[in-house]
Amino acid sequence: MTSALSLPSLADCRRLFLRNYEISINIGVYEAEKRGEQRVLVNIDLYIPLAVSTPHADLLDEVVDYDFMRETVAQRVAQGHIHLQETLCDDVAAAMLAHPKVRAVRVSTEKPDVYPDCESVGVEVFRLKP
């Protein structure tokens, strides 16, 4: 798989990431899924231009804070039941791209407990600001 950082439009970026953020949420289209929460793993990559994310004074406000990613996911999940992983990925990606410093985002979700014979099922989306 080619790295998104190899794209010419992202060559001047750094990648900020959140790996395997485990949340329990009410997600799914089947009746059994609507009765309880499921474990979901969320992964996010943010691509941020070095010009706006290189700290000069070693201060947090010079960069995008990791809390932004976690809080954004938590805010979306707090809105209630989600039928599709695609919806969750699209909503989180849109919120990430709304940040003025973020040029591109990759969001994936995985449901690790759906089938006993595979590690997980999931969705991934990549978005780049025009």
N, C-alpha and C. Protein backbone atom coordinates (compact mmCIF):
# COMPACT_ATOMS: atom_id res chain seq x y z
N MET A 1 0.84 -1.18 0.00
CA MET A 1 0.00 0.00 0.00
C MET A 1 0.89 1.25 0.00
N THR A 2 0.61 2.17 -0.88
CA THR A 2 1.36 3.40 -0.97
C THR A 2 0.93 4.35 0.14
N SER A 3 1.91 5.04 0.73
CA SER A 3 1.61 6.01 1.77
C SER A 3 0.96 7.24 1.17
N ALA A 4 -0.02 7.78 1.87
CA ALA A 4 -0.66 9.03 1.42
C ALA A 4 0.35 10.15 1.38
N LEU A 5 1.39 10.07 2.21
CA LEU A 5 2.41 11.12 2.21
C LEU A 5 3.20 11.15 0.91
N SER A 6 3.08 10.10 0.08
CA SER A 6 3.76 10.11 -1.22
C SER A 6 2.96 10.87 -2.27
N LEU A 7 1.71 11.24 -1.96
CA LEU A 7 0.92 12.07 -2.87
C LEU A 7 1.55 13.46 -2.94
N PRO A 8 1.72 14.03 -4.13
CA PRO A 8 2.33 15.35 -4.23
C PRO A 8 1.65 16.41 -3.37
N SER A 9 0.33 16.35 -3.24
CA SER A 9 -0.38 17.36 -2.46
C SER A 9 -0.18 17.22 -0.96
N LEU A 10 0.43 16.10 -0.54
CA LEU A 10 0.67 15.89 0.89
C LEU A 10 2.16 15.80 1.23
N ALA A 11 3.01 16.03 0.24
CA ALA A 11 4.45 15.88 0.44
C ALA A 11 5.00 16.83 1.50
N ASP A 12 4.32 17.94 1.74
CA ASP A 12 4.79 18.91 2.73
C ASP A 12 4.04 18.77 4.06
N CYS A 13 3.50 17.58 4.32
CA CYS A 13 2.70 17.36 5.53
C CYS A 13 3.38 16.43 6.51
N ARG A 14 2.92 16.53 7.74
CA ARG A 14 3.24 15.52 8.74
C ARG A 14 1.95 14.73 8.98
N ARG A 15 2.10 13.51 9.45
CA ARG A 15 0.93 12.66 9.72
C ARG A 15 0.78 12.53 11.23
N LEU A 16 -0.38 12.89 11.70
CA LEU A 16 -0.74 12.74 13.11
C LEU A 16 -1.73 11.59 13.17
N PHE A 17 -1.56 10.66 14.11
CA PHE A 17 -2.45 9.50 14.08
C PHE A 17 -2.95 9.08 15.45
N LEU A 18 -4.09 8.42 15.41
CA LEU A 18 -4.74 7.80 16.56
C LEU A 18 -4.96 6.34 16.17
N ARG A 19 -4.43 5.41 16.94
CA ARG A 19 -4.48 3.99 16.58
C ARG A 19 -5.35 3.19 17.54
N ASN A 20 -6.24 2.42 16.95
CA ASN A 20 -7.05 1.45 17.68
C ASN A 20 -7.72 2.03 18.93
N TYR A 21 -8.33 3.19 18.74
CA TYR A 21 -9.10 3.83 19.81
C TYR A 21 -10.36 2.98 20.00
N GLU A 22 -10.46 2.30 21.13
CA GLU A 22 -11.55 1.37 21.36
C GLU A 22 -12.72 2.07 22.05
N ILE A 23 -13.87 1.99 21.40
CA ILE A 23 -15.09 2.57 21.95
C ILE A 23 -16.18 1.50 21.93
N SER A 24 -17.16 1.66 22.80
CA SER A 24 -18.34 0.80 22.79
C SER A 24 -19.51 1.67 22.39
N ILE A 25 -20.14 1.32 21.26
CA ILE A 25 -21.21 2.15 20.74
C ILE A 25 -22.38 1.31 20.24
N ASN A 26 -23.50 1.97 20.10
CA ASN A 26 -24.68 1.34 19.54
C ASN A 26 -24.62 1.55 18.03
N ILE A 27 -24.25 0.49 17.31
CA ILE A 27 -24.07 0.59 15.86
C ILE A 27 -24.56 -0.69 15.20
N GLY A 28 -25.23 -0.54 14.09
CA GLY A 28 -25.66 -1.71 13.33
C GLY A 28 -27.07 -1.57 12.79
N VAL A 29 -27.37 -2.35 11.76
CA VAL A 29 -28.68 -2.30 11.12
C VAL A 29 -29.61 -3.42 11.56
N TYR A 30 -29.05 -4.47 12.15
CA TYR A 30 -29.87 -5.61 12.56
C TYR A 30 -30.45 -5.39 13.95
N GLU A 31 -31.60 -5.97 14.20
CA GLU A 31 -32.29 -5.78 15.48
C GLU A 31 -31.41 -6.17 16.67
N ALA A 32 -30.68 -7.27 16.55
CA ALA A 32 -29.80 -7.70 17.64
C ALA A 32 -28.74 -6.64 17.92
N GLU A 33 -28.28 -5.95 16.88
CA GLU A 33 -27.25 -4.91 17.06
C GLU A 33 -27.83 -3.66 17.71
N LYS A 34 -29.11 -3.43 17.52
CA LYS A 34 -29.74 -2.22 18.06
C LYS A 34 -30.03 -2.33 19.55
N ARG A 35 -29.90 -3.53 20.11
CA ARG A 35 -30.23 -3.75 21.52
C ARG A 35 -29.08 -3.52 22.47
N GLY A 36 -27.90 -3.31 21.95
CA GLY A 36 -26.76 -3.12 22.83
C GLY A 36 -25.58 -2.50 22.10
N GLU A 37 -24.54 -2.28 22.85
CA GLU A 37 -23.35 -1.67 22.27
C GLU A 37 -22.42 -2.74 21.71
N GLN A 38 -21.61 -2.32 20.75
CA GLN A 38 -20.58 -3.18 20.17
C GLN A 38 -19.25 -2.49 20.32
N ARG A 39 -18.22 -3.31 20.36
CA ARG A 39 -16.86 -2.78 20.41
C ARG A 39 -16.45 -2.36 19.00
N VAL A 40 -15.93 -1.14 18.89
CA VAL A 40 -15.47 -0.61 17.60
C VAL A 40 -14.08 -0.01 17.80
N LEU A 41 -13.19 -0.28 16.87
CA LEU A 41 -11.85 0.31 16.88
C LEU A 41 -11.82 1.41 15.83
N VAL A 42 -11.34 2.57 16.22
CA VAL A 42 -11.28 3.73 15.33
C VAL A 42 -9.81 4.08 15.11
N ASN A 43 -9.47 4.30 13.85
CA ASN A 43 -8.12 4.74 13.48
C ASN A 43 -8.24 6.00 12.64
N ILE A 44 -7.40 6.96 12.95
CA ILE A 44 -7.45 8.24 12.25
C ILE A 44 -6.03 8.67 11.90
N ASP A 45 -5.83 9.11 10.67
CA ASP A 45 -4.60 9.77 10.24
C ASP A 45 -4.98 11.16 9.77
N LEU A 46 -4.32 12.17 10.33
CA LEU A 46 -4.50 13.55 9.87
C LEU A 46 -3.24 13.97 9.15
N TYR A 47 -3.40 14.64 8.03
CA TYR A 47 -2.26 15.15 7.26
C TYR A 47 -2.29 16.67 7.39
N ILE A 48 -1.24 17.20 8.00
CA ILE A 48 -1.20 18.61 8.36
C ILE A 48 0.06 19.23 7.77
N PRO A 49 -0.10 20.32 7.01
CA PRO A 49 1.08 20.97 6.42
C PRO A 49 2.11 21.35 7.48
N LEU A 50 3.36 21.09 7.18
CA LEU A 50 4.44 21.43 8.10
C LEU A 50 4.45 22.92 8.43
N ALA A 51 4.05 23.73 7.47
CA ALA A 51 4.06 25.18 7.68
C ALA A 51 3.15 25.62 8.83
N VAL A 52 2.10 24.83 9.10
CA VAL A 52 1.18 25.20 10.19
C VAL A 52 1.24 24.24 11.37
N SER A 53 2.17 23.28 11.33
CA SER A 53 2.23 22.30 12.42
C SER A 53 3.64 22.07 12.95
N THR A 54 4.56 22.94 12.59
CA THR A 54 5.91 22.82 13.11
C THR A 54 6.06 23.76 14.30
N PRO A 55 6.22 23.19 15.48
CA PRO A 55 6.32 24.05 16.67
C PRO A 55 7.66 24.79 16.71
N HIS A 56 7.57 26.05 17.04
CA HIS A 56 8.78 26.88 17.17
C HIS A 56 9.10 27.16 18.62
N ALA A 57 8.09 27.12 19.47
CA ALA A 57 8.27 27.39 20.90
C ALA A 57 7.95 26.16 21.75
N ASP A 58 7.75 24.99 21.10
CA ASP A 58 7.46 23.75 21.81
C ASP A 58 6.18 23.85 22.64
N LEU A 59 5.17 24.50 22.04
CA LEU A 59 3.90 24.72 22.73
C LEU A 59 2.77 23.95 22.05
N LEU A 60 1.85 23.44 22.84
CA LEU A 60 0.74 22.65 22.33
C LEU A 60 -0.13 23.40 21.34
N ASP A 61 -0.33 24.70 21.54
CA ASP A 61 -1.22 25.44 20.64
C ASP A 61 -0.62 25.66 19.25
N GLU A 62 0.61 25.23 19.04
CA GLU A 62 1.24 25.34 17.73
C GLU A 62 0.92 24.15 16.83
N VAL A 63 0.32 23.12 17.39
CA VAL A 63 0.04 21.89 16.65
C VAL A 63 -1.42 21.50 16.84
N VAL A 64 -1.85 20.45 16.14
CA VAL A 64 -3.17 19.89 16.35
C VAL A 64 -3.05 18.90 17.51
N ASP A 65 -3.87 19.07 18.51
CA ASP A 65 -3.82 18.26 19.72
C ASP A 65 -4.50 16.91 19.47
N TYR A 66 -3.92 15.84 20.00
CA TYR A 66 -4.51 14.50 19.87
C TYR A 66 -5.93 14.46 20.44
N ASP A 67 -6.17 15.27 21.47
CA ASP A 67 -7.51 15.30 22.08
C ASP A 67 -8.58 15.65 21.06
N PHE A 68 -8.23 16.44 20.07
CA PHE A 68 -9.18 16.82 19.02
C PHE A 68 -9.76 15.58 18.35
N MET A 69 -8.92 14.59 18.06
CA MET A 69 -9.40 13.38 17.40
C MET A 69 -10.33 12.59 18.32
N ARG A 70 -9.90 12.36 19.55
CA ARG A 70 -10.70 11.58 20.49
C ARG A 70 -12.02 12.28 20.80
N GLU A 71 -11.97 13.58 21.04
CA GLU A 71 -13.19 14.32 21.38
C GLU A 71 -14.17 14.35 20.22
N THR A 72 -13.66 14.44 19.01
CA THR A 72 -14.52 14.45 17.83
C THR A 72 -15.27 13.13 17.70
N VAL A 73 -14.58 12.03 17.90
CA VAL A 73 -15.22 10.72 17.85
C VAL A 73 -16.27 10.62 18.96
N ALA A 74 -15.92 11.04 20.15
CA ALA A 74 -16.85 10.97 21.29
C ALA A 74 -18.10 11.81 21.03
N GLN A 75 -17.93 12.99 20.45
CA GLN A 75 -19.08 13.84 20.14
C GLN A 75 -20.00 13.19 19.13
N ARG A 76 -19.45 12.54 18.12
CA ARG A 76 -20.28 11.88 17.12
C ARG A 76 -21.03 10.71 17.73
N VAL A 77 -20.34 9.92 18.52
CA VAL A 77 -20.95 8.75 19.14
C VAL A 77 -22.07 9.17 20.10
N ALA A 78 -21.91 10.29 20.77
CA ALA A 78 -22.90 10.78 21.73
C ALA A 78 -24.22 11.17 21.06
N GLN A 79 -24.22 11.30 19.75
CA GLN A 79 -25.44 11.68 19.03
C GLN A 79 -26.45 10.53 18.94
N GLY A 80 -26.05 9.33 19.31
CA GLY A 80 -27.00 8.22 19.31
C GLY A 80 -26.67 7.13 18.29
N HIS A 81 -27.62 6.23 18.13
CA HIS A 81 -27.43 5.04 17.28
C HIS A 81 -26.96 5.40 15.88
N ILE A 82 -26.03 4.61 15.39
CA ILE A 82 -25.51 4.74 14.03
C ILE A 82 -25.77 3.41 13.34
N HIS A 83 -26.37 3.45 12.16
CA HIS A 83 -26.64 2.21 11.44
C HIS A 83 -25.39 1.63 10.80
N LEU A 84 -24.59 2.47 10.15
CA LEU A 84 -23.50 1.97 9.31
C LEU A 84 -22.14 2.51 9.72
N GLN A 85 -21.13 1.65 9.60
CA GLN A 85 -19.75 2.11 9.81
C GLN A 85 -19.39 3.21 8.79
N GLU A 86 -19.93 3.09 7.60
CA GLU A 86 -19.67 4.10 6.58
C GLU A 86 -20.11 5.49 7.05
N THR A 87 -21.27 5.55 7.71
CA THR A 87 -21.77 6.82 8.23
C THR A 87 -20.82 7.37 9.29
N LEU A 88 -20.39 6.51 10.19
CA LEU A 88 -19.47 6.93 11.24
C LEU A 88 -18.17 7.46 10.64
N CYS A 89 -17.59 6.73 9.70
CA CYS A 89 -16.35 7.18 9.05
C CYS A 89 -16.53 8.51 8.33
N ASP A 90 -17.60 8.63 7.58
CA ASP A 90 -17.84 9.87 6.83
C ASP A 90 -18.04 11.06 7.76
N ASP A 91 -18.79 10.86 8.83
CA ASP A 91 -19.04 11.95 9.77
C ASP A 91 -17.76 12.39 10.48
N VAL A 92 -16.97 11.43 10.91
CA VAL A 92 -15.71 11.76 11.60
C VAL A 92 -14.74 12.43 10.62
N ALA A 93 -14.66 11.92 9.41
CA ALA A 93 -13.76 12.52 8.41
C ALA A 93 -14.16 13.97 8.12
N ALA A 94 -15.44 14.23 7.96
CA ALA A 94 -15.91 15.60 7.70
C ALA A 94 -15.55 16.53 8.86
N ALA A 95 -15.73 16.05 10.08
CA ALA A 95 -15.39 16.88 11.25
C ALA A 95 -13.89 17.14 11.32
N MET A 96 -13.09 16.16 10.97
CA MET A 96 -11.64 16.35 10.98
C MET A 96 -11.21 17.37 9.94
N LEU A 97 -11.80 17.27 8.75
CA LEU A 97 -11.45 18.20 7.67
C LEU A 97 -11.91 19.62 7.96
N ALA A 98 -12.86 19.78 8.86
CA ALA A 98 -13.32 21.12 9.23
C ALA A 98 -12.26 21.89 10.02
N HIS A 99 -11.30 21.16 10.59
CA HIS A 99 -10.22 21.83 11.32
C HIS A 99 -9.38 22.61 10.32
N PRO A 100 -9.09 23.87 10.58
CA PRO A 100 -8.38 24.69 9.59
C PRO A 100 -6.97 24.22 9.25
N LYS A 101 -6.32 23.48 10.13
CA LYS A 101 -4.95 23.03 9.86
C LYS A 101 -4.88 21.70 9.12
N VAL A 102 -5.99 20.97 9.04
CA VAL A 102 -5.98 19.63 8.45
C VAL A 102 -6.22 19.71 6.94
N ARG A 103 -5.32 19.12 6.18
CA ARG A 103 -5.45 19.09 4.72
C ARG A 103 -6.11 17.81 4.22
N ALA A 104 -5.85 16.70 4.90
CA ALA A 104 -6.42 15.42 4.48
C ALA A 104 -6.60 14.54 5.71
N VAL A 105 -7.47 13.54 5.54
CA VAL A 105 -7.75 12.64 6.64
C VAL A 105 -8.04 11.24 6.11
N ARG A 106 -7.64 10.26 6.91
CA ARG A 106 -8.00 8.87 6.67
C ARG A 106 -8.64 8.39 7.97
N VAL A 107 -9.83 7.83 7.85
CA VAL A 107 -10.54 7.30 9.01
C VAL A 107 -10.95 5.87 8.70
N SER A 108 -10.71 4.98 9.66
CA SER A 108 -11.21 3.61 9.52
C SER A 108 -11.87 3.19 10.82
N THR A 109 -12.86 2.31 10.67
CA THR A 109 -13.49 1.69 11.82
C THR A 109 -13.51 0.19 11.60
N GLU A 110 -13.43 -0.53 12.70
CA GLU A 110 -13.47 -1.99 12.65
C GLU A 110 -14.36 -2.50 13.76
N LYS A 111 -15.16 -3.49 13.43
CA LYS A 111 -15.95 -4.21 14.43
C LYS A 111 -15.29 -5.59 14.59
N PRO A 112 -14.55 -5.78 15.69
CA PRO A 112 -13.79 -7.03 15.84
C PRO A 112 -14.59 -8.24 16.32
N ASP A 113 -15.82 -8.03 16.72
CA ASP A 113 -16.57 -9.14 17.32
C ASP A 113 -17.74 -9.65 16.47
N VAL A 114 -17.76 -9.31 15.19
CA VAL A 114 -18.89 -9.68 14.33
C VAL A 114 -18.86 -11.15 13.95
N TYR A 115 -17.73 -11.64 13.47
CA TYR A 115 -17.61 -13.02 13.02
C TYR A 115 -16.52 -13.74 13.80
N PRO A 116 -16.77 -14.97 14.18
CA PRO A 116 -15.75 -15.69 14.95
C PRO A 116 -14.56 -16.15 14.12
N ASP A 117 -14.71 -16.15 12.80
CA ASP A 117 -13.64 -16.68 11.95
C ASP A 117 -12.82 -15.61 11.24
N CYS A 118 -12.93 -14.35 11.69
CA CYS A 118 -12.07 -13.31 11.14
C CYS A 118 -11.77 -12.27 12.21
N GLU A 119 -10.70 -11.56 12.01
CA GLU A 119 -10.24 -10.59 13.01
C GLU A 119 -11.21 -9.42 13.17
N SER A 120 -11.73 -8.91 12.05
CA SER A 120 -12.67 -7.78 12.13
C SER A 120 -13.28 -7.52 10.76
N VAL A 121 -14.31 -6.69 10.77
CA VAL A 121 -14.89 -6.16 9.53
C VAL A 121 -14.88 -4.65 9.68
N GLY A 122 -14.62 -3.96 8.57
CA GLY A 122 -14.51 -2.52 8.72
C GLY A 122 -14.62 -1.74 7.44
N VAL A 123 -14.44 -0.44 7.62
CA VAL A 123 -14.57 0.53 6.54
C VAL A 123 -13.45 1.55 6.68
N GLU A 124 -12.98 2.05 5.55
CA GLU A 124 -11.97 3.10 5.55
C GLU A 124 -12.33 4.14 4.52
N VAL A 125 -12.08 5.41 4.86
CA VAL A 125 -12.31 6.49 3.92
C VAL A 125 -11.13 7.45 3.97
N PHE A 126 -10.79 8.00 2.81
CA PHE A 126 -9.74 9.01 2.71
C PHE A 126 -10.34 10.24 2.06
N ARG A 127 -10.11 11.39 2.66
CA ARG A 127 -10.62 12.65 2.12
C ARG A 127 -9.51 13.68 2.09
N LEU A 128 -9.50 14.47 1.04
CA LEU A 128 -8.51 15.53 0.83
C LEU A 128 -9.26 16.82 0.54
N LYS A 129 -8.86 17.91 1.22
CA LYS A 129 -9.49 19.20 0.93
C LYS A 129 -9.19 19.60 -0.50
N PRO A 130 -10.16 20.24 -1.16
CA PRO A 130 -9.92 20.67 -2.55
C PRO A 130 -8.84 21.75 -2.61
